[in-house]
Amino acid sequence: MFSTPTVAGDLIIVGSCNGRIHALDKKTGQVKWNMTFVRTASKSQFHGDPLVADDAVVIGTDGTIGHHVYAFDRATGAVRWKYKVEQRGVASNILRLGRDIFFVTLGNNELISLDLQTGQRNWAFHAAAMKIRFSGRTWLGIMQLSAQV
């Protein structure tokens, strides 16, 4: 497991690199619910920390297939919505600001904003890394390519 456990009421929620997310009773350690996203020959991995937002748990996946941001019902673990992420998945923890969530993708350097309730995309900011050589040193930077609303 690479994600940091998150406490939400009586639950401890944690994602794992084997394609599972677990919700445990924080007093007894008993499994309240878990979801598995392992497929034949490939799997999705939960490396980021779960975000608890009201009665939902939001977490992104990375791996060789099935790159998504999922919103689970906090009490039951049922999938409320999922958002398909292009190329390799989610590179960051997911942050919340009001009714929106924000995350960064791995393969195509995007900052994406989604509506927390529906999982619909609000906008995406596309960036690319560039190298600048100055005084014998290489510096990395970000340059804006485009923004989509």
C-alpha atoms as a PDB file:
ATOM      1  CA  MET A   1       0.000   0.000   0.000  1.00  0.00           C
ATOM      2  CA  PHE A   2       1.327   3.412  -0.991  1.00  0.00           C
ATOM      3  CA  SER A   3      -1.595   5.672  -0.122  1.00  0.00           C
ATOM      4  CA  THR A   4      -1.969   7.301   3.280  1.00  0.00           C
ATOM      5  CA  PRO A   5      -5.022   6.037   5.195  1.00  0.00           C
ATOM      6  CA  THR A   6      -7.819   8.583   5.480  1.00  0.00           C
ATOM      7  CA  VAL A   7     -10.186   8.731   8.455  1.00  0.00           C
ATOM      8  CA  ALA A   8     -13.857   9.460   7.729  1.00  0.00           C
ATOM      9  CA  GLY A   9     -16.176   9.113  10.716  1.00  0.00           C
ATOM     10  CA  ASP A  10     -15.963   5.475  11.850  1.00  0.00           C
ATOM     11  CA  LEU A  11     -14.017   4.406   8.749  1.00  0.00           C
ATOM     12  CA  ILE A  12     -10.385   4.222   7.740  1.00  0.00           C
ATOM     13  CA  ILE A  13     -10.097   4.231   3.939  1.00  0.00           C
ATOM     14  CA  VAL A  14      -6.959   3.206   2.072  1.00  0.00           C
ATOM     15  CA  GLY A  15      -6.080   2.401  -1.531  1.00  0.00           C
ATOM     16  CA  SER A  16      -3.510  -0.171  -2.581  1.00  0.00           C
ATOM     17  CA  CYS A  17      -1.199  -0.927  -5.454  1.00  0.00           C
ATOM     18  CA  ASN A  18      -2.993  -4.231  -6.070  1.00  0.00           C
ATOM     19  CA  GLY A  19      -6.084  -2.510  -7.483  1.00  0.00           C
ATOM     20  CA  ARG A  20      -8.156  -2.494  -4.304  1.00  0.00           C
ATOM     21  CA  ILE A  21      -9.634   0.183  -2.070  1.00  0.00           C
ATOM     22  CA  HIS A  22     -10.625  -0.781   1.471  1.00  0.00           C
ATOM     23  CA  ALA A  23     -12.884   0.813   4.084  1.00  0.00           C
ATOM     24  CA  LEU A  24     -12.248  -0.562   7.568  1.00  0.00           C
ATOM     25  CA  ASP A  25     -13.977   0.001  10.888  1.00  0.00           C
ATOM     26  CA  LYS A  26     -11.480   2.206  12.733  1.00  0.00           C
ATOM     27  CA  LYS A  27     -12.171   0.524  16.104  1.00  0.00           C
ATOM     28  CA  THR A  28     -12.152  -3.140  15.058  1.00  0.00           C
ATOM     29  CA  GLY A  29     -10.265  -3.218  11.746  1.00  0.00           C
ATOM     30  CA  GLN A  30     -13.083  -5.228  10.165  1.00  0.00           C
ATOM     31  CA  VAL A  31     -13.765  -4.646   6.488  1.00  0.00           C
ATOM     32  CA  LYS A  32     -16.900  -2.540   5.940  1.00  0.00           C
ATOM     33  CA  TRP A  33     -16.507  -2.565   2.150  1.00  0.00           C
ATOM     34  CA  ASN A  34     -13.854  -2.961  -0.502  1.00  0.00           C
ATOM     35  CA  MET A  35     -13.688  -2.676  -4.255  1.00  0.00           C
ATOM     36  CA  THR A  36     -11.339  -4.528  -6.573  1.00  0.00           C
ATOM     37  CA  PHE A  37     -10.252  -3.283  -9.991  1.00  0.00           C
ATOM     38  CA  VAL A  38      -7.875  -6.067 -11.041  1.00  0.00           C
ATOM     39  CA  ARG A  39      -8.181  -7.266 -14.647  1.00  0.00           C
ATOM     40  CA  THR A  40      -6.499 -10.068 -16.506  1.00  0.00           C
ATOM     41  CA  ALA A  41      -2.810  -9.387 -17.191  1.00  0.00           C
ATOM     42  CA  SER A  42      -3.056  -5.723 -16.094  1.00  0.00           C
ATOM     43  CA  LYS A  43      -4.434  -3.722 -13.230  1.00  0.00           C
ATOM     44  CA  SER A  44      -5.337  -0.323 -11.975  1.00  0.00           C
ATOM     45  CA  GLN A  45      -3.515   0.902  -8.901  1.00  0.00           C
ATOM     46  CA  PHE A  46      -4.612   3.270  -6.142  1.00  0.00           C
ATOM     47  CA  HIS A  47      -1.446   5.191  -5.227  1.00  0.00           C
ATOM     48  CA  GLY A  48      -3.005   8.519  -4.242  1.00  0.00           C
ATOM     49  CA  ASP A  49      -4.620   9.322  -0.928  1.00  0.00           C
ATOM     50  CA  PRO A  50      -8.421   9.042  -0.754  1.00  0.00           C
ATOM     51  CA  LEU A  51     -10.307  12.343  -0.585  1.00  0.00           C
ATOM     52  CA  VAL A  52     -13.377  12.257   1.663  1.00  0.00           C
ATOM     53  CA  ALA A  53     -15.894  14.822   0.446  1.00  0.00           C
ATOM     54  CA  ASP A  54     -19.175  14.814   2.337  1.00  0.00           C
ATOM     55  CA  ASP A  55     -20.609  11.297   1.828  1.00  0.00           C
ATOM     56  CA  ALA A  56     -18.259  10.392  -1.041  1.00  0.00           C
ATOM     57  CA  VAL A  57     -14.732   9.007  -1.302  1.00  0.00           C
ATOM     58  CA  VAL A  58     -12.792  10.156  -4.389  1.00  0.00           C
ATOM     59  CA  ILE A  59      -9.536   8.561  -5.560  1.00  0.00           C
ATOM     60  CA  GLY A  60      -7.618   8.254  -8.821  1.00  0.00           C
ATOM     61  CA  THR A  61      -5.927   5.252 -10.387  1.00  0.00           C
ATOM     62  CA  ASP A  62      -2.808   4.728 -12.416  1.00  0.00           C
ATOM     63  CA  GLY A  63      -1.316   1.635 -13.965  1.00  0.00           C
ATOM     64  CA  THR A  64      -1.182  -0.105 -17.302  1.00  0.00           C
ATOM     65  CA  ILE A  65      -4.950   0.010 -18.021  1.00  0.00           C
ATOM     66  CA  GLY A  66      -8.138   1.486 -16.647  1.00  0.00           C
ATOM     67  CA  HIS A  67      -7.085   5.003 -15.654  1.00  0.00           C
ATOM     68  CA  HIS A  68      -9.976   6.674 -13.864  1.00  0.00           C
ATOM     69  CA  VAL A  69     -10.994   8.959 -11.056  1.00  0.00           C
ATOM     70  CA  TYR A  70     -13.673   7.195  -9.000  1.00  0.00           C
ATOM     71  CA  ALA A  71     -16.259   8.555  -6.586  1.00  0.00           C
ATOM     72  CA  PHE A  72     -17.504   5.909  -4.156  1.00  0.00           C
ATOM     73  CA  ASP A  73     -20.411   6.114  -1.727  1.00  0.00           C
ATOM     74  CA  ARG A  74     -18.715   6.438   1.658  1.00  0.00           C
ATOM     75  CA  ALA A  75     -21.167   4.134   3.465  1.00  0.00           C
ATOM     76  CA  THR A  76     -21.477   1.318   0.900  1.00  0.00           C
ATOM     77  CA  GLY A  77     -18.546   1.588  -1.511  1.00  0.00           C
ATOM     78  CA  ALA A  78     -20.881   1.702  -4.511  1.00  0.00           C
ATOM     79  CA  VAL A  79     -19.397   3.547  -7.502  1.00  0.00           C
ATOM     80  CA  ARG A  80     -21.236   6.868  -7.966  1.00  0.00           C
ATOM     81  CA  TRP A  81     -19.313   7.940 -11.053  1.00  0.00           C
ATOM     82  CA  LYS A  82     -16.001   7.436 -12.796  1.00  0.00           C
ATOM     83  CA  TYR A  83     -14.056   9.745 -15.079  1.00  0.00           C
ATOM     84  CA  LYS A  84     -11.739   8.277 -17.744  1.00  0.00           C
ATOM     85  CA  VAL A  85      -8.201   9.685 -17.636  1.00  0.00           C
ATOM     86  CA  GLU A  86      -6.093   9.445 -20.790  1.00  0.00           C
ATOM     87  CA  GLN A  87      -2.575   7.988 -20.654  1.00  0.00           C
ATOM     88  CA  ARG A  88      -1.315   6.344 -17.477  1.00  0.00           C
ATOM     89  CA  GLY A  89      -3.705   7.819 -14.914  1.00  0.00           C
ATOM     90  CA  VAL A  90      -3.615  10.250 -12.030  1.00  0.00           C
ATOM     91  CA  ALA A  91      -0.265  11.591 -10.767  1.00  0.00           C
ATOM     92  CA  SER A  92      -1.456  13.535  -7.737  1.00  0.00           C
ATOM     93  CA  ASN A  93      -3.746  13.435  -4.778  1.00  0.00           C
ATOM     94  CA  ILE A  94      -7.142  14.926  -5.498  1.00  0.00           C
ATOM     95  CA  LEU A  95      -7.981  18.296  -3.978  1.00  0.00           C
ATOM     96  CA  ARG A  96     -11.393  19.813  -3.318  1.00  0.00           C
ATOM     97  CA  LEU A  97     -12.478  23.428  -3.514  1.00  0.00           C
ATOM     98  CA  GLY A  98     -16.213  23.927  -3.021  1.00  0.00           C
ATOM     99  CA  ARG A  99     -18.139  21.777  -5.503  1.00  0.00           C
ATOM    100  CA  ASP A 100     -15.072  21.048  -7.644  1.00  0.00           C
ATOM    101  CA  ILE A 101     -12.129  18.657  -7.457  1.00  0.00           C
ATOM    102  CA  PHE A 102      -8.695  19.024  -9.076  1.00  0.00           C
ATOM    103  CA  PHE A 103      -5.947  16.569 -10.052  1.00  0.00           C
ATOM    104  CA  VAL A 104      -2.901  16.188 -12.319  1.00  0.00           C
ATOM    105  CA  THR A 105      -2.505  13.413 -14.895  1.00  0.00           C
ATOM    106  CA  LEU A 106       0.639  11.367 -15.570  1.00  0.00           C
ATOM    107  CA  GLY A 107       0.943  10.924 -19.325  1.00  0.00           C
ATOM    108  CA  ASN A 108      -0.172  14.187 -20.845  1.00  0.00           C
ATOM    109  CA  ASN A 109       0.544  16.769 -18.122  1.00  0.00           C
ATOM    110  CA  GLU A 110      -2.985  18.028 -17.511  1.00  0.00           C
ATOM    111  CA  LEU A 111      -4.535  19.790 -14.556  1.00  0.00           C
ATOM    112  CA  ILE A 112      -8.205  18.780 -14.639  1.00  0.00           C
ATOM    113  CA  SER A 113     -11.203  20.155 -12.755  1.00  0.00           C
ATOM    114  CA  LEU A 114     -14.326  17.990 -12.275  1.00  0.00           C
ATOM    115  CA  ASP A 115     -17.698  18.636 -10.693  1.00  0.00           C
ATOM    116  CA  LEU A 116     -17.686  16.676  -7.422  1.00  0.00           C
ATOM    117  CA  GLN A 117     -21.329  15.578  -7.642  1.00  0.00           C
ATOM    118  CA  THR A 118     -21.426  14.420 -11.272  1.00  0.00           C
ATOM    119  CA  GLY A 119     -17.834  13.721 -12.325  1.00  0.00           C
ATOM    120  CA  GLN A 120     -18.313  15.949 -15.378  1.00  0.00           C
ATOM    121  CA  ARG A 121     -15.243  17.869 -16.534  1.00  0.00           C
ATOM    122  CA  ASN A 122     -15.283  21.609 -15.877  1.00  0.00           C
ATOM    123  CA  TRP A 123     -11.994  22.348 -17.639  1.00  0.00           C
ATOM    124  CA  ALA A 124      -8.507  21.060 -18.385  1.00  0.00           C
ATOM    125  CA  PHE A 125      -5.189  22.899 -18.520  1.00  0.00           C
ATOM    126  CA  HIS A 126      -2.592  21.251 -20.781  1.00  0.00           C
ATOM    127  CA  ALA A 127       1.088  21.853 -20.108  1.00  0.00           C
ATOM    128  CA  ALA A 128       4.349  20.464 -21.408  1.00  0.00           C
ATOM    129  CA  ALA A 129       7.724  20.233 -19.761  1.00  0.00           C
ATOM    130  CA  MET A 130      10.571  22.039 -21.446  1.00  0.00           C
ATOM    131  CA  LYS A 131      14.296  22.117 -20.827  1.00  0.00           C
ATOM    132  CA  ILE A 132      16.245  25.344 -20.728  1.00  0.00           C
ATOM    133  CA  ARG A 133      20.034  25.290 -20.831  1.00  0.00           C
ATOM    134  CA  PHE A 134      21.637  28.245 -19.037  1.00  0.00           C
ATOM    135  CA  SER A 135      25.198  28.647 -17.730  1.00  0.00           C
ATOM    136  CA  GLY A 136      25.972  24.958 -18.128  1.00  0.00           C
ATOM    137  CA  ARG A 137      22.905  23.827 -16.184  1.00  0.00           C
ATOM    138  CA  THR A 138      19.663  22.301 -17.389  1.00  0.00           C
ATOM    139  CA  TRP A 139      16.489  23.771 -15.915  1.00  0.00           C
ATOM    140  CA  LEU A 140      13.028  22.236 -16.211  1.00  0.00           C
ATOM    141  CA  GLY A 141       9.947  24.356 -16.566  1.00  0.00           C
ATOM    142  CA  ILE A 142       6.318  24.210 -17.598  1.00  0.00           C
ATOM    143  CA  MET A 143       4.946  25.960 -20.637  1.00  0.00           C
ATOM    144  CA  GLN A 144       1.242  26.366 -21.382  1.00  0.00           C
ATOM    145  CA  LEU A 145      -0.028  24.598 -24.477  1.00  0.00           C
ATOM    146  CA  SER A 146      -3.776  25.140 -24.220  1.00  0.00           C
ATOM    147  CA  ALA A 147      -6.730  25.289 -21.896  1.00  0.00           C
ATOM    148  CA  GLN A 148     -10.079  23.656 -22.661  1.00  0.00           C
ATOM    149  CA  VAL A 149     -13.378  24.567 -21.070  1.00  0.00           C
END
